[in-house]
Amino acid sequence: MTKPKERGEIIGMSVGVTLMLGWLAMAGALGVAVGILTQLAAIGLIVIMLGAIKKKIADWETGFWGEEASGWHYDLMLIAMNLVIATTAGGRYVLY
């Protein structure tokens, strides 16, 4: 979440939206890693990744593999992993 103004210009969004996405992604990742509200955090991360895929396909016209590792294959992999977490209640070691 460093340099939100420059990041916002790169992705074509305002500084506020860029900061919000950064904070939400960090909160979701911590929730999944620590085991607090795991399913909700995983669903939130899925929504963020779906937005990223939409941006890459519709606005940037990036292919699956993309150029210089900028495709949406990685985002799809993160969706699959978070889908497993969301549908299996987070596993045995969740806190809440």
PDB file of N, CA and C in Angstrom:
ATOM      1  N   MET A   1       0.811  -1.175   0.000  1.00  0.00           N
ATOM      2  CA  MET A   1       0.000   0.000   0.000  1.00  0.00           C
ATOM      3  C   MET A   1       0.865   1.253   0.000  1.00  0.00           C
ATOM      4  N   THR A   2       2.026   1.134  -0.535  1.00  0.00           N
ATOM      5  CA  THR A   2       2.874   2.307  -0.654  1.00  0.00           C
ATOM      6  C   THR A   2       2.556   3.016  -1.959  1.00  0.00           C
ATOM      7  N   LYS A   3       2.679   4.320  -1.952  1.00  0.00           N
ATOM      8  CA  LYS A   3       2.430   5.175  -3.108  1.00  0.00           C
ATOM      9  C   LYS A   3       1.048   4.930  -3.719  1.00  0.00           C
ATOM     10  N   PRO A   4      -0.021   5.169  -2.971  1.00  0.00           N
ATOM     11  CA  PRO A   4      -1.361   4.888  -3.492  1.00  0.00           C
ATOM     12  C   PRO A   4      -1.737   5.756  -4.688  1.00  0.00           C
ATOM     13  N   LYS A   5      -1.194   6.969  -4.767  1.00  0.00           N
ATOM     14  CA  LYS A   5      -1.523   7.835  -5.899  1.00  0.00           C
ATOM     15  C   LYS A   5      -0.990   7.248  -7.200  1.00  0.00           C
ATOM     16  N   GLU A   6       0.268   6.805  -7.189  1.00  0.00           N
ATOM     17  CA  GLU A   6       0.847   6.204  -8.386  1.00  0.00           C
ATOM     18  C   GLU A   6       0.164   4.890  -8.738  1.00  0.00           C
ATOM     19  N   ARG A   7      -0.122   4.074  -7.724  1.00  0.00           N
ATOM     20  CA  ARG A   7      -0.804   2.796  -7.945  1.00  0.00           C
ATOM     21  C   ARG A   7      -2.198   3.025  -8.517  1.00  0.00           C
ATOM     22  N   GLY A   8      -2.898   4.035  -7.994  1.00  0.00           N
ATOM     23  CA  GLY A   8      -4.230   4.364  -8.494  1.00  0.00           C
ATOM     24  C   GLY A   8      -4.211   4.780  -9.951  1.00  0.00           C
ATOM     25  N   GLU A   9      -3.191   5.535 -10.341  1.00  0.00           N
ATOM     26  CA  GLU A   9      -3.068   5.935 -11.744  1.00  0.00           C
ATOM     27  C   GLU A   9      -2.803   4.729 -12.643  1.00  0.00           C
ATOM     28  N   ILE A  10      -1.999   3.793 -12.161  1.00  0.00           N
ATOM     29  CA  ILE A  10      -1.672   2.607 -12.947  1.00  0.00           C
ATOM     30  C   ILE A  10      -2.911   1.747 -13.175  1.00  0.00           C
ATOM     31  N   ILE A  11      -3.707   1.551 -12.124  1.00  0.00           N
ATOM     32  CA  ILE A  11      -4.873   0.679 -12.263  1.00  0.00           C
ATOM     33  C   ILE A  11      -6.124   1.440 -12.687  1.00  0.00           C
ATOM     34  N   GLY A  12      -6.036   2.765 -12.798  1.00  0.00           N
ATOM     35  CA  GLY A  12      -7.157   3.552 -13.275  1.00  0.00           C
ATOM     36  C   GLY A  12      -8.248   3.764 -12.251  1.00  0.00           C
ATOM     37  N   MET A  13      -7.861   3.896 -10.983  1.00  0.00           N
ATOM     38  CA  MET A  13      -8.838   4.127  -9.917  1.00  0.00           C
ATOM     39  C   MET A  13      -8.356   5.264  -9.031  1.00  0.00           C
ATOM     40  N   SER A  14      -9.280   5.784  -8.230  1.00  0.00           N
ATOM     41  CA  SER A  14      -8.933   6.904  -7.357  1.00  0.00           C
ATOM     42  C   SER A  14      -8.055   6.425  -6.200  1.00  0.00           C
ATOM     43  N   VAL A  15      -7.466   7.390  -5.510  1.00  0.00           N
ATOM     44  CA  VAL A  15      -6.609   7.077  -4.370  1.00  0.00           C
ATOM     45  C   VAL A  15      -7.414   6.385  -3.276  1.00  0.00           C
ATOM     46  N   GLY A  16      -8.635   6.854  -3.032  1.00  0.00           N
ATOM     47  CA  GLY A  16      -9.470   6.259  -1.990  1.00  0.00           C
ATOM     48  C   GLY A  16      -9.804   4.802  -2.272  1.00  0.00           C
ATOM     49  N   VAL A  17     -10.178   4.518  -3.495  1.00  0.00           N
ATOM     50  CA  VAL A  17     -10.501   3.128  -3.868  1.00  0.00           C
ATOM     51  C   VAL A  17      -9.258   2.258  -3.791  1.00  0.00           C
ATOM     52  N   THR A  18      -8.133   2.797  -4.213  1.00  0.00           N
ATOM     53  CA  THR A  18      -6.882   2.050  -4.153  1.00  0.00           C
ATOM     54  C   THR A  18      -6.517   1.705  -2.711  1.00  0.00           C
ATOM     55  N   LEU A  19      -6.637   2.669  -1.814  1.00  0.00           N
ATOM     56  CA  LEU A  19      -6.355   2.405  -0.402  1.00  0.00           C
ATOM     57  C   LEU A  19      -7.341   1.403   0.184  1.00  0.00           C
ATOM     58  N   MET A  20      -8.627   1.537  -0.171  1.00  0.00           N
ATOM     59  CA  MET A  20      -9.637   0.615   0.340  1.00  0.00           C
ATOM     60  C   MET A  20      -9.345  -0.815  -0.119  1.00  0.00           C
ATOM     61  N   LEU A  21      -9.008  -0.990  -1.390  1.00  0.00           N
ATOM     62  CA  LEU A  21      -8.685  -2.330  -1.887  1.00  0.00           C
ATOM     63  C   LEU A  21      -7.469  -2.912  -1.182  1.00  0.00           C
ATOM     64  N   GLY A  22      -6.478  -2.070  -0.948  1.00  0.00           N
ATOM     65  CA  GLY A  22      -5.278  -2.532  -0.248  1.00  0.00           C
ATOM     66  C   GLY A  22      -5.580  -2.983   1.172  1.00  0.00           C
ATOM     67  N   TRP A  23      -6.357  -2.177   1.896  1.00  0.00           N
ATOM     68  CA  TRP A  23      -6.706  -2.533   3.275  1.00  0.00           C
ATOM     69  C   TRP A  23      -7.579  -3.774   3.327  1.00  0.00           C
ATOM     70  N   LEU A  24      -8.553  -3.873   2.415  1.00  0.00           N
ATOM     71  CA  LEU A  24      -9.426  -5.048   2.399  1.00  0.00           C
ATOM     72  C   LEU A  24      -8.658  -6.317   2.055  1.00  0.00           C
ATOM     73  N   ALA A  25      -7.740  -6.222   1.102  1.00  0.00           N
ATOM     74  CA  ALA A  25      -6.938  -7.393   0.739  1.00  0.00           C
ATOM     75  C   ALA A  25      -6.044  -7.822   1.905  1.00  0.00           C
ATOM     76  N   MET A  26      -5.469  -6.842   2.599  1.00  0.00           N
ATOM     77  CA  MET A  26      -4.621  -7.172   3.736  1.00  0.00           C
ATOM     78  C   MET A  26      -5.440  -7.778   4.875  1.00  0.00           C
ATOM     79  N   ALA A  27      -6.628  -7.232   5.135  1.00  0.00           N
ATOM     80  CA  ALA A  27      -7.487  -7.772   6.185  1.00  0.00           C
ATOM     81  C   ALA A  27      -7.947  -9.186   5.843  1.00  0.00           C
ATOM     82  N   GLY A  28      -8.288  -9.417   4.571  1.00  0.00           N
ATOM     83  CA  GLY A  28      -8.694 -10.761   4.149  1.00  0.00           C
ATOM     84  C   GLY A  28      -7.568 -11.764   4.281  1.00  0.00           C
ATOM     85  N   ALA A  29      -6.372 -11.358   3.888  1.00  0.00           N
ATOM     86  CA  ALA A  29      -5.227 -12.259   3.989  1.00  0.00           C
ATOM     87  C   ALA A  29      -4.911 -12.587   5.445  1.00  0.00           C
ATOM     88  N   LEU A  30      -4.979 -11.585   6.316  1.00  0.00           N
ATOM     89  CA  LEU A  30      -4.742 -11.842   7.744  1.00  0.00           C
ATOM     90  C   LEU A  30      -5.838 -12.725   8.330  1.00  0.00           C
ATOM     91  N   GLY A  31      -7.071 -12.503   7.919  1.00  0.00           N
ATOM     92  CA  GLY A  31      -8.162 -13.334   8.406  1.00  0.00           C
ATOM     93  C   GLY A  31      -7.999 -14.788   8.033  1.00  0.00           C
ATOM     94  N   VAL A  32      -7.596 -15.031   6.793  1.00  0.00           N
ATOM     95  CA  VAL A  32      -7.368 -16.413   6.346  1.00  0.00           C
ATOM     96  C   VAL A  32      -6.161 -17.017   7.051  1.00  0.00           C
ATOM     97  N   ALA A  33      -5.094 -16.251   7.178  1.00  0.00           N
ATOM     98  CA  ALA A  33      -3.867 -16.776   7.774  1.00  0.00           C
ATOM     99  C   ALA A  33      -4.014 -17.054   9.267  1.00  0.00           C
ATOM    100  N   VAL A  34      -4.715 -16.176   9.984  1.00  0.00           N
ATOM    101  CA  VAL A  34      -4.839 -16.311  11.428  1.00  0.00           C
ATOM    102  C   VAL A  34      -5.999 -17.221  11.810  1.00  0.00           C
ATOM    103  N   GLY A  35      -6.999 -17.300  10.960  1.00  0.00           N
ATOM    104  CA  GLY A  35      -8.139 -18.169  11.238  1.00  0.00           C
ATOM    105  C   GLY A  35      -9.310 -17.458  11.877  1.00  0.00           C
ATOM    106  N   ILE A  36      -9.386 -16.147  11.703  1.00  0.00           N
ATOM    107  CA  ILE A  36     -10.491 -15.369  12.253  1.00  0.00           C
ATOM    108  C   ILE A  36     -11.423 -14.982  11.114  1.00  0.00           C
ATOM    109  N   LEU A  37     -12.714 -15.368  11.244  1.00  0.00           N
ATOM    110  CA  LEU A  37     -13.701 -15.137  10.185  1.00  0.00           C
ATOM    111  C   LEU A  37     -13.174 -15.639   8.836  1.00  0.00           C
ATOM    112  N   THR A  38     -12.670 -16.833   8.835  1.00  0.00           N
ATOM    113  CA  THR A  38     -11.968 -17.387   7.682  1.00  0.00           C
ATOM    114  C   THR A  38     -12.827 -17.431   6.436  1.00  0.00           C
ATOM    115  N   GLN A  39     -14.056 -17.925   6.562  1.00  0.00           N
ATOM    116  CA  GLN A  39     -14.904 -18.032   5.385  1.00  0.00           C
ATOM    117  C   GLN A  39     -15.258 -16.658   4.824  1.00  0.00           C
ATOM    118  N   LEU A  40     -15.566 -15.718   5.681  1.00  0.00           N
ATOM    119  CA  LEU A  40     -15.874 -14.367   5.229  1.00  0.00           C
ATOM    120  C   LEU A  40     -14.660 -13.722   4.566  1.00  0.00           C
ATOM    121  N   ALA A  41     -13.484 -13.914   5.139  1.00  0.00           N
ATOM    122  CA  ALA A  41     -12.259 -13.368   4.565  1.00  0.00           C
ATOM    123  C   ALA A  41     -11.977 -13.993   3.199  1.00  0.00           C
ATOM    124  N   ALA A  42     -12.191 -15.303   3.076  1.00  0.00           N
ATOM    125  CA  ALA A  42     -11.961 -15.975   1.795  1.00  0.00           C
ATOM    126  C   ALA A  42     -12.931 -15.486   0.734  1.00  0.00           C
ATOM    127  N   ILE A  43     -14.184 -15.289   1.105  1.00  0.00           N
ATOM    128  CA  ILE A  43     -15.171 -14.780   0.146  1.00  0.00           C
ATOM    129  C   ILE A  43     -14.814 -13.354  -0.273  1.00  0.00           C
ATOM    130  N   GLY A  44     -14.355 -12.544   0.660  1.00  0.00           N
ATOM    131  CA  GLY A  44     -13.916 -11.191   0.326  1.00  0.00           C
ATOM    132  C   GLY A  44     -12.750 -11.186  -0.647  1.00  0.00           C
ATOM    133  N   LEU A  45     -11.797 -12.078  -0.425  1.00  0.00           N
ATOM    134  CA  LEU A  45     -10.662 -12.174  -1.339  1.00  0.00           C
ATOM    135  C   LEU A  45     -11.092 -12.668  -2.718  1.00  0.00           C
ATOM    136  N   ILE A  46     -12.085 -13.552  -2.762  1.00  0.00           N
ATOM    137  CA  ILE A  46     -12.609 -14.016  -4.048  1.00  0.00           C
ATOM    138  C   ILE A  46     -13.214 -12.841  -4.821  1.00  0.00           C
ATOM    139  N   VAL A  47     -13.972 -12.003  -4.132  1.00  0.00           N
ATOM    140  CA  VAL A  47     -14.582 -10.843  -4.788  1.00  0.00           C
ATOM    141  C   VAL A  47     -13.516  -9.891  -5.315  1.00  0.00           C
ATOM    142  N   ILE A  48     -12.483  -9.662  -4.536  1.00  0.00           N
ATOM    143  CA  ILE A  48     -11.393  -8.786  -4.981  1.00  0.00           C
ATOM    144  C   ILE A  48     -10.707  -9.371  -6.219  1.00  0.00           C
ATOM    145  N   MET A  49     -10.458 -10.676  -6.215  1.00  0.00           N
ATOM    146  CA  MET A  49      -9.803 -11.306  -7.363  1.00  0.00           C
ATOM    147  C   MET A  49     -10.701 -11.313  -8.599  1.00  0.00           C
ATOM    148  N   LEU A  50     -12.008 -11.476  -8.415  1.00  0.00           N
ATOM    149  CA  LEU A  50     -12.923 -11.392  -9.557  1.00  0.00           C
ATOM    150  C   LEU A  50     -12.884  -9.995 -10.172  1.00  0.00           C
ATOM    151  N   GLY A  51     -12.790  -8.972  -9.329  1.00  0.00           N
ATOM    152  CA  GLY A  51     -12.647  -7.609  -9.825  1.00  0.00           C
ATOM    153  C   GLY A  51     -11.340  -7.412 -10.582  1.00  0.00           C
ATOM    154  N   ALA A  52     -10.283  -8.020 -10.083  1.00  0.00           N
ATOM    155  CA  ALA A  52      -8.992  -7.921 -10.761  1.00  0.00           C
ATOM    156  C   ALA A  52      -9.038  -8.609 -12.128  1.00  0.00           C
ATOM    157  N   ILE A  53      -9.676  -9.773 -12.184  1.00  0.00           N
ATOM    158  CA  ILE A  53      -9.796 -10.483 -13.462  1.00  0.00           C
ATOM    159  C   ILE A  53     -10.627  -9.669 -14.437  1.00  0.00           C
ATOM    160  N   LYS A  54     -11.734  -9.085 -13.953  1.00  0.00           N
ATOM    161  CA  LYS A  54     -12.570  -8.258 -14.819  1.00  0.00           C
ATOM    162  C   LYS A  54     -11.764  -7.094 -15.388  1.00  0.00           C
ATOM    163  N   LYS A  55     -10.973  -6.455 -14.537  1.00  0.00           N
ATOM    164  CA  LYS A  55     -10.155  -5.321 -14.974  1.00  0.00           C
ATOM    165  C   LYS A  55      -9.133  -5.760 -16.020  1.00  0.00           C
ATOM    166  N   LYS A  56      -8.512  -6.907 -15.792  1.00  0.00           N
ATOM    167  CA  LYS A  56      -7.485  -7.381 -16.720  1.00  0.00           C
ATOM    168  C   LYS A  56      -8.074  -7.799 -18.062  1.00  0.00           C
ATOM    169  N   ILE A  57      -9.249  -8.441 -18.058  1.00  0.00           N
ATOM    170  CA  ILE A  57      -9.840  -8.914 -19.308  1.00  0.00           C
ATOM    171  C   ILE A  57     -10.524  -7.771 -20.061  1.00  0.00           C
ATOM    172  N   ALA A  58     -11.423  -7.052 -19.393  1.00  0.00           N
ATOM    173  CA  ALA A  58     -12.257  -6.064 -20.080  1.00  0.00           C
ATOM    174  C   ALA A  58     -11.520  -4.758 -20.374  1.00  0.00           C
ATOM    175  N   ASP A  59     -10.795  -4.248 -19.403  1.00  0.00           N
ATOM    176  CA  ASP A  59     -10.176  -2.934 -19.578  1.00  0.00           C
ATOM    177  C   ASP A  59      -8.782  -3.011 -20.190  1.00  0.00           C
ATOM    178  N   TRP A  60      -7.983  -3.956 -19.728  1.00  0.00           N
ATOM    179  CA  TRP A  60      -6.609  -4.039 -20.214  1.00  0.00           C
ATOM    180  C   TRP A  60      -6.434  -5.035 -21.348  1.00  0.00           C
ATOM    181  N   GLU A  61      -7.465  -5.840 -21.622  1.00  0.00           N
ATOM    182  CA  GLU A  61      -7.442  -6.855 -22.688  1.00  0.00           C
ATOM    183  C   GLU A  61      -6.237  -7.793 -22.557  1.00  0.00           C
ATOM    184  N   THR A  62      -6.012  -8.235 -21.332  1.00  0.00           N
ATOM    185  CA  THR A  62      -4.913  -9.146 -21.038  1.00  0.00           C
ATOM    186  C   THR A  62      -5.384 -10.577 -21.209  1.00  0.00           C
ATOM    187  N   GLY A  63      -4.552 -11.420 -21.788  1.00  0.00           N
ATOM    188  CA  GLY A  63      -4.895 -12.823 -21.951  1.00  0.00           C
ATOM    189  C   GLY A  63      -4.672 -13.617 -20.675  1.00  0.00           C
ATOM    190  N   PHE A  64      -4.960 -14.907 -20.746  1.00  0.00           N
ATOM    191  CA  PHE A  64      -4.830 -15.776 -19.572  1.00  0.00           C
ATOM    192  C   PHE A  64      -3.413 -15.749 -19.032  1.00  0.00           C
ATOM    193  N   TRP A  65      -2.422 -15.935 -19.890  1.00  0.00           N
ATOM    194  CA  TRP A  65      -1.031 -15.910 -19.438  1.00  0.00           C
ATOM    195  C   TRP A  65      -0.464 -14.500 -19.432  1.00  0.00           C
ATOM    196  N   GLY A  66      -0.995 -13.616 -20.271  1.00  0.00           N
ATOM    197  CA  GLY A  66      -0.556 -12.226 -20.307  1.00  0.00           C
ATOM    198  C   GLY A  66       0.866 -12.066 -20.812  1.00  0.00           C
ATOM    199  N   GLU A  67       1.343 -10.859 -20.704  1.00  0.00           N
ATOM    200  CA  GLU A  67       2.714 -10.545 -21.069  1.00  0.00           C
ATOM    201  C   GLU A  67       3.491 -10.219 -19.801  1.00  0.00           C
ATOM    202  N   GLU A  68       4.674 -10.735 -19.692  1.00  0.00           N
ATOM    203  CA  GLU A  68       5.535 -10.484 -18.526  1.00  0.00           C
ATOM    204  C   GLU A  68       4.825 -10.840 -17.216  1.00  0.00           C
ATOM    205  N   ALA A  69       4.169 -11.980 -17.182  1.00  0.00           N
ATOM    206  CA  ALA A  69       3.495 -12.510 -15.997  1.00  0.00           C
ATOM    207  C   ALA A  69       2.373 -11.599 -15.501  1.00  0.00           C
ATOM    208  N   SER A  70       1.698 -10.896 -16.420  1.00  0.00           N
ATOM    209  CA  SER A  70       0.617 -10.008 -15.999  1.00  0.00           C
ATOM    210  C   SER A  70      -0.758 -10.549 -16.382  1.00  0.00           C
ATOM    211  N   GLY A  71      -0.841 -11.817 -16.694  1.00  0.00           N
ATOM    212  CA  GLY A  71      -2.128 -12.415 -17.032  1.00  0.00           C
ATOM    213  C   GLY A  71      -2.972 -12.666 -15.803  1.00  0.00           C
ATOM    214  N   TRP A  72      -4.149 -13.240 -16.021  1.00  0.00           N
ATOM    215  CA  TRP A  72      -5.059 -13.460 -14.904  1.00  0.00           C
ATOM    216  C   TRP A  72      -5.045 -14.892 -14.406  1.00  0.00           C
ATOM    217  N   HIS A  73      -4.049 -15.668 -14.802  1.00  0.00           N
ATOM    218  CA  HIS A  73      -3.931 -17.048 -14.330  1.00  0.00           C
ATOM    219  C   HIS A  73      -3.671 -17.110 -12.818  1.00  0.00           C
ATOM    220  N   TYR A  74      -2.887 -16.193 -12.309  1.00  0.00           N
ATOM    221  CA  TYR A  74      -2.577 -16.169 -10.876  1.00  0.00           C
ATOM    222  C   TYR A  74      -3.818 -15.814 -10.064  1.00  0.00           C
ATOM    223  N   ASP A  75      -4.590 -14.854 -10.549  1.00  0.00           N
ATOM    224  CA  ASP A  75      -5.819 -14.474  -9.855  1.00  0.00           C
ATOM    225  C   ASP A  75      -6.801 -15.644  -9.805  1.00  0.00           C
ATOM    226  N   LEU A  76      -6.883 -16.403 -10.880  1.00  0.00           N
ATOM    227  CA  LEU A  76      -7.770 -17.563 -10.921  1.00  0.00           C
ATOM    228  C   LEU A  76      -7.321 -18.635  -9.929  1.00  0.00           C
ATOM    229  N   MET A  77      -6.014 -18.804  -9.785  1.00  0.00           N
ATOM    230  CA  MET A  77      -5.489 -19.755  -8.813  1.00  0.00           C
ATOM    231  C   MET A  77      -5.851 -19.327  -7.381  1.00  0.00           C
ATOM    232  N   LEU A  78      -5.753 -18.034  -7.097  1.00  0.00           N
ATOM    233  CA  LEU A  78      -6.123 -17.537  -5.765  1.00  0.00           C
ATOM    234  C   LEU A  78      -7.613 -17.716  -5.505  1.00  0.00           C
ATOM    235  N   ILE A  79      -8.443 -17.545  -6.535  1.00  0.00           N
ATOM    236  CA  ILE A  79      -9.877 -17.785  -6.381  1.00  0.00           C
ATOM    237  C   ILE A  79     -10.119 -19.244  -6.024  1.00  0.00           C
ATOM    238  N   ALA A  80      -9.453 -20.159  -6.718  1.00  0.00           N
ATOM    239  CA  ALA A  80      -9.633 -21.589  -6.442  1.00  0.00           C
ATOM    240  C   ALA A  80      -9.223 -21.933  -5.015  1.00  0.00           C
ATOM    241  N   MET A  81      -8.107 -21.402  -4.553  1.00  0.00           N
ATOM    242  CA  MET A  81      -7.655 -21.690  -3.194  1.00  0.00           C
ATOM    243  C   MET A  81      -8.621 -21.127  -2.152  1.00  0.00           C
ATOM    244  N   ASN A  82      -9.086 -19.904  -2.367  1.00  0.00           N
ATOM    245  CA  ASN A  82     -10.019 -19.309  -1.419  1.00  0.00           C
ATOM    246  C   ASN A  82     -11.385 -19.969  -1.475  1.00  0.00           C
ATOM    247  N   LEU A  83     -11.756 -20.511  -2.620  1.00  0.00           N
ATOM    248  CA  LEU A  83     -13.012 -21.244  -2.734  1.00  0.00           C
ATOM    249  C   LEU A  83     -12.969 -22.518  -1.886  1.00  0.00           C
ATOM    250  N   VAL A  84     -11.826 -23.178  -1.873  1.00  0.00           N
ATOM    251  CA  VAL A  84     -11.662 -24.363  -1.014  1.00  0.00           C
ATOM    252  C   VAL A  84     -11.781 -23.961   0.454  1.00  0.00           C
ATOM    253  N   ILE A  85     -11.145 -22.874   0.841  1.00  0.00           N
ATOM    254  CA  ILE A  85     -11.208 -22.409   2.226  1.00  0.00           C
ATOM    255  C   ILE A  85     -12.641 -22.036   2.601  1.00  0.00           C
ATOM    256  N   ALA A  86     -13.338 -21.345   1.707  1.00  0.00           N
ATOM    257  CA  ALA A  86     -14.701 -20.894   2.001  1.00  0.00           C
ATOM    258  C   ALA A  86     -15.682 -22.060   2.101  1.00  0.00           C
ATOM    259  N   THR A  87     -15.476 -23.104   1.321  1.00  0.00           N
ATOM    260  CA  THR A  87     -16.438 -24.211   1.315  1.00  0.00           C
ATOM    261  C   THR A  87     -16.122 -25.311   2.331  1.00  0.00           C
ATOM    262  N   THR A  88     -14.937 -25.276   2.912  1.00  0.00           N
ATOM    263  CA  THR A  88     -14.575 -26.299   3.908  1.00  0.00           C
ATOM    264  C   THR A  88     -14.513 -25.724   5.322  1.00  0.00           C
ATOM    265  N   ALA A  89     -15.115 -24.588   5.521  1.00  0.00           N
ATOM    266  CA  ALA A  89     -15.170 -23.928   6.832  1.00  0.00           C
ATOM    267  C   ALA A  89     -13.783 -23.574   7.363  1.00  0.00           C
ATOM    268  N   GLY A  90     -12.815 -23.463   6.516  1.00  0.00           N
ATOM    269  CA  GLY A  90     -11.499 -23.008   6.934  1.00  0.00           C
ATOM    270  C   GLY A  90     -10.587 -24.053   7.522  1.00  0.00           C
ATOM    271  N   GLY A  91     -11.058 -25.250   7.713  1.00  0.00           N
ATOM    272  CA  GLY A  91     -10.224 -26.304   8.247  1.00  0.00           C
ATOM    273  C   GLY A  91     -10.347 -26.462   9.747  1.00  0.00           C
ATOM    274  N   ARG A  92      -9.443 -27.209  10.332  1.00  0.00           N
ATOM    275  CA  ARG A  92      -9.506 -27.592  11.740  1.00  0.00           C
ATOM    276  C   ARG A  92      -9.030 -26.496  12.691  1.00  0.00           C
ATOM    277  N   TYR A  93      -8.153 -25.622  12.239  1.00  0.00           N
ATOM    278  CA  TYR A  93      -7.505 -24.689  13.162  1.00  0.00           C
ATOM    279  C   TYR A  93      -8.025 -23.271  13.081  1.00  0.00           C
ATOM    280  N   VAL A  94      -9.302 -23.072  12.780  1.00  0.00           N
ATOM    281  CA  VAL A  94      -9.845 -21.714  12.766  1.00  0.00           C
ATOM    282  C   VAL A  94     -10.180 -21.292  14.186  1.00  0.00           C
ATOM    283  N   LEU A  95     -10.057 -19.996  14.458  1.00  0.00           N
ATOM    284  CA  LEU A  95     -10.347 -19.471  15.783  1.00  0.00           C
ATOM    285  C   LEU A  95     -11.810 -19.107  15.928  1.00  0.00           C
ATOM    286  N   TYR A  96     -12.423 -18.637  14.820  1.00  0.00           N
ATOM    287  CA  TYR A  96     -13.828 -18.238  14.881  1.00  0.00           C
ATOM    288  C   TYR A  96     -14.454 -18.377  13.534  1.00  0.00           C
TER     289      TYR A  96
END
